Amino acid sequence: MTQNTKRLAASLLAILCCSLLLAAAPWTGGYRISFDGYGDGAVPAGDEHLGAEVWLAPFDLPVANPLLSFGLLVPVYGGDPGILLEGAVELRLFSWVDHPLATLFRRKTAWRPTIQAGILSPLSDFSSSSITVTVHPLSFFFGEKTVSVLAPRLLWDLETHRWDWGVRLLEISHSLF
């Protein structure tokens, strides 16, 4: 073997070993797609919203694992107030692998209900922001993705000082790294 071939083989072996370590590591980030609807009094009530966010979970804790997310909610029909900016912190309450609904799924799942708190603001007018609290009682983890359905949302409008509501009908989070 020539010197260059040995260096190439050693480099490829090092890259393979590092990638195997990363493959065994827990998921720490990815993207999320969601579909939301809001009550009549809420700021984004004029339209349903399709969301696209990125998320990061820097720790791998079994309980209260913090997850940070940031993204945009785009109105499906282009209604007022337009595109919304959302940032949130989410905490996993627990992770139950042999849950009662496990037989309904084809793949092995974990039931992972979460609570999320964040801020929601139109890009056109940051003064009409809302603080959000979302509860994800039906959230299931499938190894590299999490699917959540029917998550109720409470919104505290910072301009009018009143409560409104919404529902995150569907949320799919996919792990990338």
N, C-alpha and C. Protein backbone atom coordinates (compact mmCIF):
# COMPACT_ATOMS: atom_id res chain seq x y z
N MET A 1 0.83 -1.18 0.00
CA MET A 1 0.00 0.00 0.00
C MET A 1 0.87 1.25 0.00
N THR A 2 0.44 2.21 -0.75
CA THR A 2 1.18 3.46 -0.78
C THR A 2 0.80 4.32 0.42
N GLN A 3 1.56 5.33 0.66
CA GLN A 3 1.33 6.23 1.80
C GLN A 3 -0.03 6.93 1.68
N ASN A 4 -0.39 7.36 0.47
CA ASN A 4 -1.67 8.04 0.25
C ASN A 4 -2.85 7.10 0.48
N THR A 5 -2.72 5.85 0.08
CA THR A 5 -3.77 4.87 0.28
C THR A 5 -3.98 4.61 1.76
N LYS A 6 -2.89 4.53 2.54
CA LYS A 6 -3.00 4.33 3.98
C LYS A 6 -3.69 5.53 4.65
N ARG A 7 -3.34 6.73 4.23
CA ARG A 7 -3.99 7.93 4.78
C ARG A 7 -5.47 7.95 4.46
N LEU A 8 -5.81 7.60 3.22
CA LEU A 8 -7.21 7.57 2.81
C LEU A 8 -7.99 6.53 3.62
N ALA A 9 -7.40 5.34 3.79
CA ALA A 9 -8.06 4.27 4.57
C ALA A 9 -8.23 4.70 6.02
N ALA A 10 -7.22 5.32 6.61
CA ALA A 10 -7.31 5.79 8.00
C ALA A 10 -8.36 6.89 8.14
N SER A 11 -8.42 7.79 7.18
CA SER A 11 -9.43 8.86 7.21
C SER A 11 -10.84 8.30 7.09
N LEU A 12 -11.04 7.37 6.17
CA LEU A 12 -12.36 6.75 6.01
C LEU A 12 -12.77 5.98 7.25
N LEU A 13 -11.81 5.30 7.90
CA LEU A 13 -12.11 4.57 9.14
C LEU A 13 -12.50 5.55 10.25
N ALA A 14 -11.80 6.67 10.35
CA ALA A 14 -12.12 7.68 11.37
C ALA A 14 -13.51 8.27 11.13
N ILE A 15 -13.85 8.57 9.87
CA ILE A 15 -15.17 9.10 9.54
C ILE A 15 -16.25 8.08 9.86
N LEU A 16 -16.01 6.81 9.54
CA LEU A 16 -16.98 5.75 9.83
C LEU A 16 -17.20 5.62 11.33
N CYS A 17 -16.13 5.62 12.12
CA CYS A 17 -16.27 5.51 13.58
C CYS A 17 -17.03 6.70 14.16
N CYS A 18 -16.74 7.90 13.70
CA CYS A 18 -17.44 9.09 14.19
C CYS A 18 -18.93 9.06 13.80
N SER A 19 -19.23 8.62 12.59
CA SER A 19 -20.63 8.56 12.17
C SER A 19 -21.39 7.48 12.93
N LEU A 20 -20.74 6.39 13.30
CA LEU A 20 -21.40 5.38 14.12
C LEU A 20 -21.73 5.91 15.51
N LEU A 21 -20.83 6.71 16.07
CA LEU A 21 -21.10 7.33 17.36
C LEU A 21 -22.27 8.29 17.27
N LEU A 22 -22.35 9.06 16.18
CA LEU A 22 -23.46 9.98 16.01
C LEU A 22 -24.76 9.23 15.80
N ALA A 23 -24.73 8.10 15.12
CA ALA A 23 -25.94 7.33 14.88
C ALA A 23 -26.50 6.77 16.18
N ALA A 24 -25.64 6.50 17.14
CA ALA A 24 -26.10 5.95 18.42
C ALA A 24 -26.55 7.05 19.37
N ALA A 25 -26.24 8.30 19.08
CA ALA A 25 -26.59 9.41 19.95
C ALA A 25 -28.09 9.69 19.87
N PRO A 26 -28.65 10.33 20.90
CA PRO A 26 -30.08 10.68 20.84
C PRO A 26 -30.31 11.81 19.83
N TRP A 27 -31.55 11.89 19.35
CA TRP A 27 -31.91 12.95 18.42
C TRP A 27 -31.90 14.28 19.15
N THR A 28 -31.30 15.30 18.55
CA THR A 28 -31.22 16.61 19.20
C THR A 28 -31.82 17.74 18.37
N GLY A 29 -32.23 17.51 17.14
CA GLY A 29 -32.81 18.59 16.35
C GLY A 29 -33.50 18.11 15.11
N GLY A 30 -34.32 18.98 14.55
CA GLY A 30 -35.03 18.63 13.33
C GLY A 30 -36.00 19.71 12.92
N TYR A 31 -37.05 19.31 12.21
CA TYR A 31 -38.06 20.26 11.77
C TYR A 31 -39.44 19.76 12.17
N ARG A 32 -40.40 20.67 12.11
CA ARG A 32 -41.76 20.37 12.54
C ARG A 32 -42.74 21.05 11.58
N ILE A 33 -43.77 20.30 11.19
CA ILE A 33 -44.85 20.81 10.36
C ILE A 33 -46.13 20.71 11.19
N SER A 34 -46.95 21.77 11.17
CA SER A 34 -48.18 21.75 11.97
C SER A 34 -49.32 22.40 11.21
N PHE A 35 -50.55 22.14 11.67
CA PHE A 35 -51.75 22.73 11.12
C PHE A 35 -52.61 23.19 12.28
N ASP A 36 -52.90 24.51 12.34
CA ASP A 36 -53.61 25.11 13.47
C ASP A 36 -54.91 25.77 13.04
N GLY A 37 -55.85 25.82 13.98
CA GLY A 37 -57.07 26.59 13.84
C GLY A 37 -57.29 27.38 15.12
N TYR A 38 -57.95 28.53 15.04
CA TYR A 38 -58.11 29.41 16.20
C TYR A 38 -59.55 29.84 16.38
N GLY A 39 -59.90 30.20 17.63
CA GLY A 39 -61.23 30.69 17.95
C GLY A 39 -61.47 32.06 17.34
N ASP A 40 -62.74 32.49 17.33
CA ASP A 40 -63.13 33.73 16.66
C ASP A 40 -62.46 34.98 17.22
N GLY A 41 -62.16 35.03 18.51
CA GLY A 41 -61.58 36.23 19.11
C GLY A 41 -60.08 36.32 19.02
N ALA A 42 -59.40 35.25 18.64
CA ALA A 42 -57.94 35.24 18.62
C ALA A 42 -57.40 36.09 17.48
N VAL A 43 -56.18 36.61 17.66
CA VAL A 43 -55.54 37.44 16.63
C VAL A 43 -55.45 36.71 15.29
N PRO A 44 -55.02 35.43 15.25
CA PRO A 44 -54.94 34.75 13.95
C PRO A 44 -56.24 34.06 13.53
N ALA A 45 -57.40 34.50 14.05
CA ALA A 45 -58.67 33.80 13.82
C ALA A 45 -59.16 33.85 12.38
N GLY A 46 -58.64 34.74 11.57
CA GLY A 46 -59.15 34.89 10.22
C GLY A 46 -58.86 33.73 9.29
N ASP A 47 -58.00 32.78 9.71
CA ASP A 47 -57.57 31.75 8.78
C ASP A 47 -56.97 30.57 9.55
N GLU A 48 -56.93 29.40 8.90
CA GLU A 48 -56.16 28.29 9.41
C GLU A 48 -54.70 28.56 9.06
N HIS A 49 -53.79 27.99 9.84
CA HIS A 49 -52.37 28.25 9.61
C HIS A 49 -51.58 26.96 9.47
N LEU A 50 -50.71 26.93 8.49
CA LEU A 50 -49.77 25.84 8.27
C LEU A 50 -48.43 26.30 8.82
N GLY A 51 -47.86 25.54 9.74
CA GLY A 51 -46.62 25.94 10.41
C GLY A 51 -45.42 25.14 9.94
N ALA A 52 -44.27 25.80 9.92
CA ALA A 52 -42.99 25.16 9.64
C ALA A 52 -42.00 25.72 10.66
N GLU A 53 -41.42 24.83 11.45
CA GLU A 53 -40.51 25.25 12.51
C GLU A 53 -39.27 24.37 12.52
N VAL A 54 -38.22 24.88 13.12
CA VAL A 54 -37.05 24.07 13.45
C VAL A 54 -37.03 23.92 14.95
N TRP A 55 -36.52 22.78 15.43
CA TRP A 55 -36.47 22.55 16.88
C TRP A 55 -35.12 22.00 17.29
N LEU A 56 -34.82 22.20 18.56
CA LEU A 56 -33.56 21.74 19.14
C LEU A 56 -33.83 21.26 20.55
N ALA A 57 -33.39 20.05 20.87
CA ALA A 57 -33.49 19.46 22.21
C ALA A 57 -32.09 19.09 22.66
N PRO A 58 -31.36 20.02 23.28
CA PRO A 58 -29.95 19.79 23.57
C PRO A 58 -29.66 18.73 24.63
N PHE A 59 -30.64 18.37 25.44
CA PHE A 59 -30.44 17.39 26.49
C PHE A 59 -31.28 16.15 26.19
N ASP A 60 -30.86 15.01 26.69
CA ASP A 60 -31.64 13.78 26.52
C ASP A 60 -32.13 13.32 27.88
N LEU A 61 -33.06 14.07 28.45
CA LEU A 61 -33.60 13.74 29.76
C LEU A 61 -34.87 12.91 29.60
N PRO A 62 -35.09 11.92 30.46
CA PRO A 62 -36.30 11.10 30.33
C PRO A 62 -37.57 11.87 30.68
N VAL A 63 -37.46 12.84 31.59
CA VAL A 63 -38.61 13.65 32.01
C VAL A 63 -38.20 15.11 31.96
N ALA A 64 -39.14 15.98 31.61
CA ALA A 64 -38.91 17.43 31.54
C ALA A 64 -37.77 17.78 30.60
N ASN A 65 -37.67 17.06 29.50
CA ASN A 65 -36.64 17.33 28.50
C ASN A 65 -37.01 18.60 27.73
N PRO A 66 -36.26 19.70 27.88
CA PRO A 66 -36.63 20.93 27.19
C PRO A 66 -36.36 20.86 25.69
N LEU A 67 -37.30 21.38 24.93
CA LEU A 67 -37.19 21.43 23.48
C LEU A 67 -37.50 22.87 23.07
N LEU A 68 -36.62 23.49 22.30
CA LEU A 68 -36.81 24.86 21.82
C LEU A 68 -37.21 24.81 20.36
N SER A 69 -38.22 25.61 19.98
CA SER A 69 -38.65 25.64 18.59
C SER A 69 -38.86 27.07 18.14
N PHE A 70 -38.69 27.28 16.83
CA PHE A 70 -38.81 28.61 16.25
C PHE A 70 -39.24 28.45 14.81
N GLY A 71 -40.26 29.21 14.40
CA GLY A 71 -40.69 29.09 13.01
C GLY A 71 -41.80 30.04 12.63
N LEU A 72 -42.41 29.76 11.49
CA LEU A 72 -43.45 30.59 10.91
C LEU A 72 -44.75 29.82 10.77
N LEU A 73 -45.88 30.54 10.95
CA LEU A 73 -47.20 30.00 10.68
C LEU A 73 -47.77 30.81 9.52
N VAL A 74 -48.08 30.15 8.42
CA VAL A 74 -48.54 30.81 7.21
C VAL A 74 -50.04 30.58 7.06
N PRO A 75 -50.83 31.65 6.85
CA PRO A 75 -52.27 31.46 6.66
C PRO A 75 -52.56 30.68 5.38
N VAL A 76 -53.43 29.70 5.47
CA VAL A 76 -53.73 28.84 4.33
C VAL A 76 -54.41 29.62 3.21
N TYR A 77 -55.32 30.54 3.55
CA TYR A 77 -56.04 31.29 2.54
C TYR A 77 -55.58 32.74 2.42
N GLY A 78 -54.48 33.09 3.09
CA GLY A 78 -53.93 34.44 2.98
C GLY A 78 -54.66 35.49 3.78
N GLY A 79 -55.39 35.08 4.82
CA GLY A 79 -56.17 36.04 5.61
C GLY A 79 -55.32 36.85 6.57
N ASP A 80 -55.97 37.82 7.21
CA ASP A 80 -55.30 38.67 8.21
C ASP A 80 -55.06 37.88 9.48
N PRO A 81 -54.03 38.13 10.23
CA PRO A 81 -53.03 39.19 10.11
C PRO A 81 -51.82 38.79 9.27
N GLY A 82 -51.90 37.73 8.53
CA GLY A 82 -50.79 37.32 7.67
C GLY A 82 -49.89 36.29 8.36
N ILE A 83 -48.62 36.28 7.98
CA ILE A 83 -47.66 35.30 8.50
C ILE A 83 -47.36 35.60 9.97
N LEU A 84 -47.33 34.55 10.78
CA LEU A 84 -47.06 34.67 12.21
C LEU A 84 -45.69 34.08 12.52
N LEU A 85 -45.02 34.67 13.48
CA LEU A 85 -43.74 34.20 13.98
C LEU A 85 -44.00 33.53 15.32
N GLU A 86 -43.47 32.32 15.53
CA GLU A 86 -43.70 31.62 16.80
C GLU A 86 -42.38 31.09 17.35
N GLY A 87 -42.18 31.29 18.62
CA GLY A 87 -41.06 30.72 19.36
C GLY A 87 -41.61 30.07 20.61
N ALA A 88 -41.08 28.90 20.99
CA ALA A 88 -41.66 28.18 22.12
C ALA A 88 -40.62 27.31 22.83
N VAL A 89 -40.95 26.99 24.07
CA VAL A 89 -40.21 26.02 24.88
C VAL A 89 -41.21 24.93 25.24
N GLU A 90 -40.79 23.68 25.05
CA GLU A 90 -41.67 22.54 25.29
C GLU A 90 -41.02 21.60 26.29
N LEU A 91 -41.83 21.03 27.19
CA LEU A 91 -41.33 20.06 28.18
C LEU A 91 -42.08 18.76 28.04
N ARG A 92 -41.34 17.67 27.96
CA ARG A 92 -41.92 16.33 27.93
C ARG A 92 -42.27 15.93 29.36
N LEU A 93 -43.50 15.48 29.58
CA LEU A 93 -43.93 15.08 30.92
C LEU A 93 -43.40 13.71 31.30
N PHE A 94 -43.51 12.76 30.37
CA PHE A 94 -42.99 11.40 30.59
C PHE A 94 -42.93 10.69 29.24
N SER A 95 -42.32 9.53 29.24
CA SER A 95 -42.23 8.70 28.05
C SER A 95 -42.60 7.27 28.43
N TRP A 96 -43.73 6.78 27.92
CA TRP A 96 -44.26 5.47 28.29
C TRP A 96 -44.28 4.60 27.03
N VAL A 97 -43.42 3.56 27.02
CA VAL A 97 -43.28 2.72 25.83
C VAL A 97 -44.43 1.72 25.70
N ASP A 98 -44.77 1.01 26.75
CA ASP A 98 -45.84 -0.01 26.68
C ASP A 98 -47.18 0.60 27.09
N HIS A 99 -47.56 1.69 26.44
CA HIS A 99 -48.79 2.40 26.78
C HIS A 99 -50.01 1.64 26.27
N PRO A 100 -51.21 1.95 26.76
CA PRO A 100 -52.42 1.21 26.37
C PRO A 100 -52.77 1.29 24.88
N LEU A 101 -52.33 2.33 24.17
CA LEU A 101 -52.64 2.46 22.75
C LEU A 101 -51.57 1.87 21.84
N ALA A 102 -50.58 1.21 22.40
CA ALA A 102 -49.45 0.68 21.62
C ALA A 102 -49.89 -0.32 20.55
N THR A 103 -50.94 -1.07 20.80
CA THR A 103 -51.39 -2.07 19.83
C THR A 103 -52.05 -1.44 18.60
N LEU A 104 -52.40 -0.17 18.66
CA LEU A 104 -53.00 0.50 17.51
C LEU A 104 -51.97 0.89 16.44
N PHE A 105 -50.69 0.88 16.82
CA PHE A 105 -49.64 1.32 15.91
C PHE A 105 -48.86 0.14 15.35
N ARG A 106 -48.44 0.28 14.13
CA ARG A 106 -47.67 -0.76 13.46
C ARG A 106 -46.25 -0.84 13.97
N ARG A 107 -45.67 0.32 14.30
CA ARG A 107 -44.31 0.40 14.82
C ARG A 107 -44.33 0.57 16.32
N LYS A 108 -43.20 0.29 16.94
CA LYS A 108 -43.06 0.50 18.38
C LYS A 108 -43.12 2.00 18.65
N THR A 109 -43.93 2.40 19.63
CA THR A 109 -44.12 3.81 19.93
C THR A 109 -43.92 4.08 21.41
N ALA A 110 -43.75 5.35 21.71
CA ALA A 110 -43.75 5.81 23.10
C ALA A 110 -44.75 6.95 23.19
N TRP A 111 -45.58 6.93 24.20
CA TRP A 111 -46.52 8.01 24.45
C TRP A 111 -45.77 9.09 25.20
N ARG A 112 -45.69 10.29 24.63
CA ARG A 112 -44.92 11.39 25.21
C ARG A 112 -45.73 12.68 25.26
N PRO A 113 -46.63 12.81 26.23
CA PRO A 113 -47.37 14.07 26.34
C PRO A 113 -46.43 15.21 26.74
N THR A 114 -46.72 16.40 26.20
CA THR A 114 -45.87 17.56 26.46
C THR A 114 -46.72 18.79 26.76
N ILE A 115 -46.06 19.78 27.37
CA ILE A 115 -46.63 21.11 27.59
C ILE A 115 -45.69 22.10 26.92
N GLN A 116 -46.27 23.05 26.20
CA GLN A 116 -45.49 24.02 25.44
C GLN A 116 -45.94 25.43 25.80
N ALA A 117 -44.99 26.34 25.99
CA ALA A 117 -45.28 27.76 26.22
C ALA A 117 -44.44 28.57 25.25
N GLY A 118 -45.04 29.61 24.69
CA GLY A 118 -44.31 30.40 23.72
C GLY A 118 -44.95 31.74 23.44
N ILE A 119 -44.48 32.36 22.39
CA ILE A 119 -45.01 33.65 21.96
C ILE A 119 -45.33 33.57 20.48
N LEU A 120 -46.44 34.19 20.10
CA LEU A 120 -46.95 34.17 18.74
C LEU A 120 -47.18 35.62 18.33
N SER A 121 -46.60 36.02 17.20
CA SER A 121 -46.69 37.42 16.81
C SER A 121 -46.78 37.54 15.30
N PRO A 122 -47.68 38.41 14.80
CA PRO A 122 -47.71 38.66 13.36
C PRO A 122 -46.44 39.37 12.92
N LEU A 123 -45.90 38.99 11.77
CA LEU A 123 -44.71 39.67 11.25
C LEU A 123 -45.00 41.13 10.91
N SER A 124 -46.25 41.43 10.58
CA SER A 124 -46.60 42.79 10.19
C SER A 124 -46.76 43.74 11.37
N ASP A 125 -47.05 43.20 12.58
CA ASP A 125 -47.32 44.06 13.73
C ASP A 125 -46.98 43.32 15.01
N PHE A 126 -45.78 43.57 15.55
CA PHE A 126 -45.35 42.88 16.75
C PHE A 126 -46.10 43.33 18.01
N SER A 127 -46.85 44.42 17.94
CA SER A 127 -47.56 44.90 19.12
C SER A 127 -48.77 44.02 19.46
N SER A 128 -49.27 43.24 18.50
CA SER A 128 -50.42 42.37 18.78
C SER A 128 -49.98 40.93 19.01
N SER A 129 -48.96 40.75 19.83
CA SER A 129 -48.44 39.41 20.15
C SER A 129 -49.32 38.70 21.17
N SER A 130 -49.20 37.40 21.21
CA SER A 130 -49.91 36.58 22.19
C SER A 130 -48.95 35.60 22.83
N ILE A 131 -49.17 35.34 24.10
CA ILE A 131 -48.45 34.27 24.80
C ILE A 131 -49.30 33.02 24.66
N THR A 132 -48.67 31.91 24.29
CA THR A 132 -49.41 30.67 24.06
C THR A 132 -49.01 29.59 25.06
N VAL A 133 -49.98 28.78 25.42
CA VAL A 133 -49.76 27.57 26.20
C VAL A 133 -50.48 26.45 25.47
N THR A 134 -49.74 25.42 25.09
CA THR A 134 -50.30 24.30 24.34
C THR A 134 -50.05 23.01 25.10
N VAL A 135 -51.07 22.18 25.20
CA VAL A 135 -50.96 20.88 25.84
C VAL A 135 -51.12 19.82 24.75
N HIS A 136 -50.13 18.92 24.66
CA HIS A 136 -50.15 17.84 23.66
C HIS A 136 -50.42 16.51 24.38
N PRO A 137 -51.68 16.19 24.67
CA PRO A 137 -51.95 14.93 25.38
C PRO A 137 -51.81 13.69 24.49
N LEU A 138 -52.01 13.84 23.19
CA LEU A 138 -51.93 12.71 22.27
C LEU A 138 -50.70 12.87 21.38
N SER A 139 -49.53 12.68 21.98
CA SER A 139 -48.26 12.83 21.28
C SER A 139 -47.52 11.49 21.35
N PHE A 140 -47.15 10.96 20.18
CA PHE A 140 -46.53 9.64 20.11
C PHE A 140 -45.20 9.71 19.37
N PHE A 141 -44.18 9.09 19.95
CA PHE A 141 -42.82 9.10 19.42
C PHE A 141 -42.58 7.77 18.69
N PHE A 142 -42.09 7.84 17.44
CA PHE A 142 -41.87 6.67 16.60
C PHE A 142 -40.40 6.42 16.29
N GLY A 143 -39.50 6.87 17.11
CA GLY A 143 -38.08 6.64 16.87
C GLY A 143 -37.37 7.83 16.29
N GLU A 144 -37.79 8.29 15.13
CA GLU A 144 -37.19 9.48 14.53
C GLU A 144 -38.23 10.57 14.26
N LYS A 145 -39.49 10.30 14.58
CA LYS A 145 -40.51 11.32 14.42
C LYS A 145 -41.53 11.24 15.54
N THR A 146 -42.15 12.38 15.80
CA THR A 146 -43.20 12.48 16.79
C THR A 146 -44.44 13.03 16.11
N VAL A 147 -45.58 12.40 16.37
CA VAL A 147 -46.86 12.84 15.81
C VAL A 147 -47.77 13.20 16.97
N SER A 148 -48.35 14.39 16.89
CA SER A 148 -49.27 14.86 17.92
C SER A 148 -50.56 15.32 17.24
N VAL A 149 -51.69 14.97 17.83
CA VAL A 149 -52.99 15.38 17.28
C VAL A 149 -53.83 16.03 18.37
N LEU A 150 -54.69 16.96 17.94
CA LEU A 150 -55.69 17.60 18.78
C LEU A 150 -55.12 18.20 20.07
N ALA A 151 -54.16 19.10 19.92
CA ALA A 151 -53.55 19.76 21.07
C ALA A 151 -54.22 21.12 21.30
N PRO A 152 -54.93 21.28 22.43
CA PRO A 152 -55.57 22.57 22.71
C PRO A 152 -54.54 23.64 23.03
N ARG A 153 -54.85 24.89 22.60
CA ARG A 153 -53.95 26.03 22.81
C ARG A 153 -54.74 27.15 23.50
N LEU A 154 -54.13 27.74 24.51
CA LEU A 154 -54.65 28.96 25.12
C LEU A 154 -53.76 30.11 24.68
N LEU A 155 -54.37 31.25 24.35
CA LEU A 155 -53.62 32.42 23.91
C LEU A 155 -53.99 33.60 24.79
N TRP A 156 -52.99 34.27 25.35
CA TRP A 156 -53.21 35.50 26.13
C TRP A 156 -52.76 36.66 25.24
N ASP A 157 -53.72 37.43 24.77
CA ASP A 157 -53.43 38.55 23.87
C ASP A 157 -52.83 39.69 24.70
N LEU A 158 -51.60 40.08 24.38
CA LEU A 158 -50.90 41.11 25.15
C LEU A 158 -51.45 42.51 24.88
N GLU A 159 -52.16 42.70 23.78
CA GLU A 159 -52.72 44.02 23.45
C GLU A 159 -54.07 44.23 24.13
N THR A 160 -54.96 43.24 24.03
CA THR A 160 -56.31 43.38 24.59
C THR A 160 -56.44 42.80 26.00
N HIS A 161 -55.43 42.10 26.48
CA HIS A 161 -55.44 41.47 27.81
C HIS A 161 -56.63 40.54 28.01
N ARG A 162 -56.80 39.63 27.07
CA ARG A 162 -57.87 38.64 27.22
C ARG A 162 -57.41 37.30 26.67
N TRP A 163 -58.11 36.25 27.11
CA TRP A 163 -57.80 34.89 26.70
C TRP A 163 -58.54 34.54 25.42
N ASP A 164 -57.89 33.78 24.56
CA ASP A 164 -58.49 33.20 23.37
C ASP A 164 -58.04 31.75 23.29
N TRP A 165 -58.48 31.05 22.28
CA TRP A 165 -58.13 29.63 22.19
C TRP A 165 -57.85 29.23 20.74
N GLY A 166 -57.24 28.09 20.62
CA GLY A 166 -56.96 27.49 19.32
C GLY A 166 -56.73 26.00 19.49
N VAL A 167 -56.57 25.30 18.38
CA VAL A 167 -56.29 23.86 18.42
C VAL A 167 -55.20 23.58 17.39
N ARG A 168 -54.16 22.92 17.83
CA ARG A 168 -53.15 22.42 16.90
C ARG A 168 -53.66 21.05 16.47
N LEU A 169 -54.28 21.02 15.29
CA LEU A 169 -54.93 19.81 14.82
C LEU A 169 -53.95 18.67 14.56
N LEU A 170 -52.82 19.00 13.96
CA LEU A 170 -51.82 17.99 13.62
C LEU A 170 -50.44 18.61 13.71
N GLU A 171 -49.52 17.86 14.28
CA GLU A 171 -48.12 18.30 14.34
C GLU A 171 -47.24 17.09 14.10
N ILE A 172 -46.32 17.20 13.16
CA ILE A 172 -45.38 16.13 12.87
C ILE A 172 -43.98 16.70 13.01
N SER A 173 -43.22 16.15 13.94
CA SER A 173 -41.82 16.56 14.15
C SER A 173 -40.92 15.44 13.66
N HIS A 174 -39.96 15.80 12.82
CA HIS A 174 -39.04 14.81 12.28
C HIS A 174 -37.62 15.14 12.73
N SER A 175 -36.90 14.15 13.23
CA SER A 175 -35.54 14.36 13.71
C SER A 175 -34.57 14.27 12.53
N LEU A 176 -33.64 15.23 12.48
CA LEU A 176 -32.63 15.23 11.43
C LEU A 176 -31.24 14.90 11.96
N PHE A 177 -30.95 15.34 13.19
CA PHE A 177 -29.62 15.12 13.77
C PHE A 177 -29.73 14.93 15.26
